[in-house]
Protein backbone atom coordinates (compact mmCIF):
# COMPACT_ATOMS: atom_id res chain seq x y z
CA MET A 1 27.64 -0.38 39.68
CA THR A 2 24.26 1.55 40.40
CA GLU A 3 21.37 -1.06 40.99
CA ILE A 4 18.70 0.01 38.37
CA HIS A 5 15.24 0.43 40.20
CA ALA A 6 13.29 1.59 37.29
CA ASP A 7 14.17 2.19 33.43
CA PHE A 8 11.78 4.96 32.20
CA ARG A 9 13.78 5.55 28.84
CA SER A 10 11.34 3.36 26.51
CA ASP A 11 9.03 0.44 26.41
CA THR A 12 11.16 -1.52 24.48
CA VAL A 13 13.32 -2.25 27.80
CA THR A 14 10.90 -4.86 29.22
CA ARG A 15 12.08 -8.40 29.95
CA PRO A 16 10.30 -11.69 29.43
CA GLY A 17 9.19 -12.99 32.44
CA PRO A 18 8.99 -16.64 33.45
CA ALA A 19 5.78 -17.60 31.97
CA MET A 20 6.71 -16.08 28.51
CA ARG A 21 10.20 -17.84 28.64
CA GLU A 22 8.32 -20.81 29.16
CA ALA A 23 6.26 -20.48 26.21
CA MET A 24 9.35 -19.61 24.29
CA ALA A 25 11.10 -22.82 25.68
CA THR A 26 8.32 -25.01 24.51
CA ALA A 27 7.20 -23.64 21.33
CA GLU A 28 6.56 -25.73 18.59
CA VAL A 29 9.17 -24.89 15.73
CA GLY A 30 9.92 -25.31 11.96
CA ASP A 31 11.82 -23.61 9.03
CA ASP A 32 9.92 -20.25 8.55
CA VAL A 33 11.88 -19.58 5.36
CA TYR A 34 10.10 -22.62 4.27
CA GLY A 35 6.56 -21.47 5.91
CA GLU A 36 7.03 -24.62 8.00
CA ASP A 37 7.28 -22.82 11.45
CA PRO A 38 3.78 -23.32 12.93
CA THR A 39 4.06 -20.92 15.95
CA VAL A 40 5.04 -18.15 13.44
CA ASN A 41 2.27 -18.95 11.22
CA ARG A 42 -0.14 -18.99 14.02
CA LEU A 43 1.07 -15.45 15.10
CA GLU A 44 0.93 -14.00 11.44
CA SER A 45 -2.53 -15.31 11.01
CA THR A 46 -3.94 -14.26 14.52
CA LEU A 47 -2.52 -10.69 13.99
CA ALA A 48 -3.70 -10.28 10.43
CA GLU A 49 -7.30 -11.35 11.88
CA GLN A 50 -7.07 -8.92 14.81
CA ALA A 51 -6.16 -6.19 12.27
CA GLY A 52 -8.95 -7.07 9.94
CA MET A 53 -6.51 -7.95 7.07
CA GLU A 54 -5.76 -10.99 4.95
CA ALA A 55 -2.24 -11.84 5.63
CA GLY A 56 0.73 -11.15 8.04
CA LEU A 57 4.56 -11.12 8.04
CA PHE A 58 6.79 -11.81 11.10
CA CYS A 59 9.83 -9.49 11.05
CA PRO A 60 12.76 -8.89 13.59
CA SER A 61 12.05 -5.46 14.12
CA GLY A 62 9.57 -2.52 13.45
CA THR A 63 12.25 -0.87 11.22
CA GLN A 64 12.46 -3.74 8.87
CA SER A 65 8.35 -4.27 8.80
CA ASN A 66 7.99 -0.18 8.14
CA LEU A 67 10.77 -0.85 5.31
CA LEU A 68 8.92 -3.79 3.82
CA ALA A 69 5.81 -2.03 3.61
CA LEU A 70 7.49 0.85 1.88
CA LEU A 71 9.10 -1.55 -0.73
CA ALA A 72 6.19 -3.38 -1.39
CA HIS A 73 3.95 -0.29 -1.99
CA CYS A 74 6.42 1.91 -3.91
CA GLU A 75 8.79 1.31 -6.89
CA ARG A 76 12.12 3.24 -7.50
CA GLY A 77 11.33 6.62 -8.13
CA ASP A 78 8.34 6.67 -6.32
CA GLU A 79 7.47 8.87 -3.47
CA TYR A 80 5.65 8.73 0.10
CA ILE A 81 4.37 11.49 2.21
CA VAL A 82 5.52 11.34 5.94
CA GLY A 83 5.78 13.40 8.93
CA GLN A 84 8.93 15.35 9.51
CA ASP A 85 9.91 13.76 12.55
CA ALA A 86 8.32 10.35 11.80
CA HIS A 87 9.88 7.26 12.74
CA THR A 88 9.81 5.77 9.29
CA TYR A 89 11.68 9.01 8.02
CA GLN A 90 13.92 10.38 10.89
CA LEU A 91 14.74 7.14 13.01
CA GLU A 92 15.16 4.12 10.56
CA GLY A 93 18.40 4.89 8.85
CA GLY A 94 16.96 6.13 5.55
CA GLY A 95 16.17 2.64 4.55
CA ALA A 96 13.54 3.68 1.98
CA ALA A 97 15.89 5.87 0.08
CA VAL A 98 19.10 3.86 0.54
CA LEU A 99 17.58 0.35 -0.27
CA GLY A 100 14.29 1.19 -2.33
CA SER A 101 15.23 4.48 -4.14
CA ILE A 102 12.03 6.01 -2.59
CA GLN A 103 11.83 9.47 -2.09
CA PRO A 104 10.43 10.77 1.15
CA GLN A 105 8.08 14.06 0.88
CA PRO A 106 8.01 15.16 4.92
CA ILE A 107 5.72 17.60 6.33
CA GLU A 108 5.25 18.89 9.60
CA PHE A 109 3.33 17.19 12.22
CA GLU A 110 0.57 19.03 13.82
CA ALA A 111 0.39 19.44 17.62
CA ASP A 112 -1.91 16.50 18.00
CA GLY A 113 0.28 14.23 16.08
CA SER A 114 -1.79 14.29 12.74
CA LEU A 115 -0.59 15.44 9.51
CA ASN A 116 -2.80 18.21 7.90
CA LEU A 117 -4.64 16.48 4.99
CA ASP A 118 -5.00 19.69 3.10
CA THR A 119 -1.01 19.65 3.29
CA VAL A 120 -0.91 16.47 2.06
CA VAL A 121 -2.99 16.80 -0.86
CA SER A 122 -1.00 20.06 -1.65
CA LYS A 123 2.49 17.70 -1.72
CA ILE A 124 0.76 15.08 -4.09
CA LYS A 125 2.73 15.43 -7.40
CA PRO A 126 1.23 15.87 -10.72
CA ASP A 127 1.49 13.34 -13.26
CA ASP A 128 4.40 14.50 -14.90
CA SER A 129 7.79 13.03 -15.94
CA HIS A 130 9.50 16.07 -13.81
CA PHE A 131 8.16 14.56 -10.64
CA ALA A 132 8.51 11.49 -8.60
CA ARG A 133 5.33 9.71 -8.48
CA THR A 134 3.50 9.85 -5.38
CA ARG A 135 2.32 6.35 -4.20
CA LEU A 136 1.92 6.28 -0.40
CA LEU A 137 0.81 8.38 2.78
CA CYS A 138 2.50 7.02 5.96
CA LEU A 139 0.94 7.90 9.26
CA GLU A 140 1.81 7.03 12.89
CA ASN A 141 -0.34 5.74 15.76
CA THR A 142 0.46 6.59 18.60
CA ARG A 143 2.63 9.84 18.01
CA GLY A 144 4.33 10.72 21.04
CA GLY A 145 1.82 9.03 22.90
CA MET A 146 -0.99 10.90 21.46
CA VAL A 147 -3.78 8.78 19.68
CA LEU A 148 -5.02 9.80 16.15
CA PRO A 149 -8.81 10.14 16.38
CA LEU A 150 -10.81 7.75 14.53
CA GLU A 151 -12.38 10.16 12.54
CA TYR A 152 -9.37 11.69 11.48
CA GLN A 153 -8.14 8.19 10.01
CA VAL A 154 -11.27 7.83 8.35
CA ALA A 155 -10.85 11.20 6.48
CA ALA A 156 -7.06 9.96 5.61
CA ARG A 157 -8.44 6.82 4.20
CA GLN A 158 -10.97 8.75 1.74
CA LEU A 159 -8.36 11.19 0.88
CA THR A 160 -5.97 8.54 -0.34
CA ARG A 161 -8.66 6.41 -2.07
CA GLU A 162 -9.76 9.82 -4.01
CA HIS A 163 -6.15 10.42 -5.03
CA GLY A 164 -4.97 6.96 -5.93
CA LEU A 165 -2.48 6.57 -2.89
CA ALA A 166 -2.02 3.60 -0.56
CA LEU A 167 -2.21 4.30 3.38
CA HIS A 168 0.50 2.62 5.57
CA LEU A 169 0.13 2.88 9.49
CA ASP A 170 3.39 2.67 11.78
CA GLY A 171 1.46 1.25 14.43
CA ALA A 172 4.56 0.46 16.59
CA ARG A 173 1.92 1.32 19.61
CA ALA A 174 -1.38 0.79 17.93
CA PHE A 175 -2.45 -1.31 20.78
CA ASN A 176 -1.80 1.33 23.13
CA ALA A 177 -4.18 3.48 20.78
CA ALA A 178 -7.00 0.85 20.82
CA VAL A 179 -6.82 0.73 24.55
CA ALA A 180 -7.04 4.06 25.06
CA LEU A 181 -9.96 4.43 22.87
CA GLN A 182 -11.37 1.19 24.02
CA VAL A 183 -12.06 -0.21 20.64
CA PRO A 184 -10.93 -3.26 18.94
CA LEU A 185 -7.63 -3.15 17.13
CA GLU A 186 -9.26 -3.52 13.88
CA GLU A 187 -11.58 -0.34 14.02
CA ILE A 188 -8.14 1.42 13.80
CA THR A 189 -6.22 -0.60 11.29
CA GLY A 190 -8.95 -1.25 9.11
CA ASN A 191 -8.57 2.07 7.58
CA TYR A 192 -5.27 1.28 6.07
CA ASP A 193 -3.69 -0.89 3.40
CA SER A 194 -0.99 -1.99 5.69
CA VAL A 195 0.16 -1.66 9.08
CA SER A 196 3.32 -2.44 11.18
CA LEU A 197 2.35 -3.95 14.78
CA CYS A 198 5.18 -3.93 17.34
CA LEU A 199 4.93 -6.78 19.98
CA SER A 200 8.38 -5.93 21.63
CA LYS A 201 7.22 -2.47 23.14
CA GLY A 202 4.30 -2.22 25.85
CA LEU A 203 3.39 -5.77 25.13
CA GLY A 204 6.65 -6.86 26.44
CA ALA A 205 7.90 -9.49 23.81
CA PRO A 206 11.67 -9.35 23.41
CA VAL A 207 11.74 -9.34 19.80
CA GLY A 208 9.15 -8.88 17.01
CA SER A 209 6.98 -6.91 14.88
CA VAL A 210 4.27 -8.25 12.22
CA LEU A 211 3.49 -6.36 8.94
CA CYS A 212 -0.20 -6.97 8.01
CA GLY A 213 -1.95 -6.15 4.68
CA SER A 214 -3.41 -7.97 1.48
CA ARG A 215 -2.16 -11.44 0.47
CA ASP A 216 -0.36 -9.54 -2.55
CA LEU A 217 1.44 -6.98 -0.47
CA ILE A 218 2.49 -9.74 1.97
CA LYS A 219 3.89 -11.72 -0.76
CA SER A 220 6.02 -8.99 -2.23
CA ALA A 221 7.02 -8.01 1.39
CA ARG A 222 7.93 -11.60 2.23
CA ARG A 223 10.22 -11.55 -0.88
CA TRP A 224 11.92 -8.26 0.25
CA ARG A 225 12.39 -9.57 3.60
CA LYS A 226 14.40 -12.31 2.48
CA VAL A 227 16.42 -9.71 0.32
CA VAL A 228 17.15 -7.60 3.07
CA GLY A 229 18.33 -10.46 5.48
CA GLY A 230 15.22 -10.86 7.51
CA GLY A 231 14.34 -14.40 6.75
CA MET A 232 14.71 -16.68 10.02
CA ARG A 233 14.70 -20.16 10.63
CA GLN A 234 13.20 -21.98 13.94
CA ALA A 235 11.57 -18.32 14.72
CA GLY A 236 8.73 -19.98 16.57
CA ILE A 237 10.79 -19.63 19.74
CA LEU A 238 10.37 -15.72 19.17
CA ALA A 239 6.73 -16.01 17.94
CA ALA A 240 5.56 -17.78 21.06
CA ALA A 241 6.89 -14.87 23.09
CA CYS A 242 4.91 -12.61 20.87
CA LEU A 243 1.71 -14.85 21.12
CA TYR A 244 1.80 -14.78 24.94
CA ALA A 245 2.20 -11.14 24.70
CA LEU A 246 -0.92 -10.86 22.66
CA GLU A 247 -3.01 -13.25 24.90
CA HIS A 248 -1.78 -11.69 28.17
CA ASN A 249 -0.51 -8.25 28.07
CA VAL A 250 -2.92 -6.12 25.85
CA GLU A 251 -5.61 -5.25 28.49
CA ARG A 252 -3.06 -4.36 31.00
CA LEU A 253 -1.79 -1.57 28.88
CA ALA A 254 -4.26 0.42 30.75
CA GLU A 255 -2.12 0.30 33.85
CA ASP A 256 0.75 1.94 31.86
CA HIS A 257 -1.52 4.68 30.72
CA GLN A 258 -2.85 5.24 34.18
CA ASN A 259 0.87 5.48 35.58
CA ALA A 260 1.84 7.70 33.14
CA ARG A 261 -1.07 9.98 34.16
CA ARG A 262 -0.09 9.87 37.57
CA LEU A 263 3.42 10.42 36.77
CA ALA A 264 2.47 13.44 34.64
CA GLN A 265 0.43 14.95 37.64
CA GLY A 266 3.10 14.68 39.85
CA LEU A 267 5.87 16.16 37.67
CA ALA A 268 3.42 19.13 37.05
CA GLU A 269 3.28 19.72 40.90
CA ILE A 270 7.07 19.97 41.31
CA PRO A 271 8.67 23.62 40.98
CA GLY A 272 10.82 24.10 38.03
CA ILE A 273 9.14 21.18 35.91
CA HIS A 274 7.04 22.12 33.15
CA CYS A 275 4.83 19.00 32.14
CA ASP A 276 1.67 19.15 29.95
CA GLN A 277 -0.71 16.79 31.37
CA ALA A 278 -3.30 17.42 28.78
CA VAL A 279 -1.22 15.51 26.06
CA VAL A 280 -0.74 12.36 28.25
CA GLN A 281 -2.75 10.05 26.63
CA THR A 282 -1.44 6.67 26.74
CA ASN A 283 2.12 5.58 28.30
CA ILE A 284 4.32 8.67 27.25
CA VAL A 285 5.07 11.84 29.13
CA TYR A 286 7.45 14.70 28.58
CA LEU A 287 8.88 16.82 30.96
CA ASP A 288 11.02 20.14 30.04
CA LEU A 289 13.37 21.87 32.34
CA ASP A 290 14.63 25.59 32.02
CA SER A 291 18.07 24.61 30.86
CA SER A 292 20.17 21.55 29.23
CA GLU A 293 22.45 21.79 32.15
CA LEU A 294 19.46 21.16 34.64
CA ALA A 295 18.43 18.34 32.39
CA ASP A 296 21.70 16.88 32.43
CA GLY A 297 22.26 17.24 36.06
CA LEU A 298 19.01 15.68 37.10
CA ARG A 299 19.69 12.91 34.58
CA THR A 300 22.86 12.26 36.18
CA GLU A 301 21.54 12.32 39.83
CA LEU A 302 18.64 10.31 39.03
CA GLY A 303 20.92 7.52 37.28
CA ARG A 304 23.02 7.51 40.77
CA ALA A 305 19.70 6.67 42.41
CA GLY A 306 18.96 3.86 40.28
CA PHE A 307 16.50 5.55 37.65
CA LEU A 308 17.08 5.69 33.84
CA ILE A 309 15.46 8.49 31.96
CA GLY A 310 15.63 9.86 28.36
CA ASP A 311 18.21 12.26 26.83
CA GLY A 312 17.77 15.86 25.89
CA ARG A 313 16.25 18.86 27.56
CA SER A 314 12.71 17.55 27.05
CA ILE A 315 12.87 14.16 28.52
CA ARG A 316 10.57 11.52 27.48
CA LEU A 317 9.50 9.19 30.26
CA VAL A 318 7.80 6.09 29.18
CA THR A 319 5.80 3.63 31.41
CA HIS A 320 5.48 -0.02 30.32
CA LEU A 321 5.26 -3.68 31.88
CA ASP A 322 8.18 -3.31 34.10
CA ILE A 323 7.15 0.08 35.75
CA SER A 324 4.78 -0.38 38.69
CA GLY A 325 2.81 2.32 40.36
CA ALA A 326 5.26 2.17 43.23
CA ALA A 327 8.05 3.05 40.92
CA VAL A 328 6.56 6.22 39.57
CA GLU A 329 6.30 7.25 42.99
CA GLN A 330 9.73 6.40 43.93
CA LEU A 331 10.59 8.59 41.01
CA LEU A 332 8.56 11.49 41.66
CA ALA A 333 10.07 11.61 45.34
CA ALA A 334 13.61 11.36 43.83
CA VAL A 335 12.77 14.32 41.36
CA ALA A 336 11.38 16.38 43.94
CA ARG A 337 14.40 15.76 46.13
CA LEU A 338 16.89 16.60 43.76
CA LEU A 339 15.33 19.70 42.35
CA THR A 340 14.52 21.16 45.72
């Protein structure tokens, strides 16, 4: 079996280090379904405070956290407006439709990862029994590694207020956005009625996302969490890893961003590779090759050399806790050698 030197497929592949494992092993626990796990309670209150919201709810995944938000905001026959390629619409199993009878209204993303707000307004349905009731707008930050500008998020907040909609953020990489903008998390999340925050990507926890929002919304989401099988017992073992990640791994996201910029710069200098350095704002880099065959060949040969990269002709590379600057240089050297 080939020894894996570095896995660039996603920032979900990080593994807990010794200190995080020690925090998990020594965590104080209780039964979270009864609300009695002190470590879970501390995680929920800590993240809610950082997000500028009243309450939080620990979930095993971002998919579930987003689903609970949709179920709490919408009723059967309601509609949410979302990006055509958004994670909540395209990559979460259609949960809102399957489990909540909530209709998606997808629209195309702009090049910068935003949704055109004029288009959003045009998709809000009239108050008429012929139509689903538009109740919610979902945004994503970061989107393909790109950060939504603060002024855009303020404008989205104003739009939803004017039209009686709620605003949810899939903030799987919201900490990356905050570090890139050099602002507190609350300056981003304070524009939303709810936000899903992932701890198992760049922050390095093995499991966990937290949904933050008002007390009433989280009360509803907590019930839905039980319904969809997300009630966990001595979950403080997992929450302890998330707390460790919050305390130790947020500021270091800047290193991932620096490594991503270096990776994009190096790739752009290799003949035969197309890489737009201008869109690399956080920890995600895309490279394009002239054919699918060339991409498949590169992926195979890099795998033999101990490097894992994403699928497709347009290949996503993600820097994270387990990717060092040296690993970036080794990958660049391997790509240059193989393509030459």
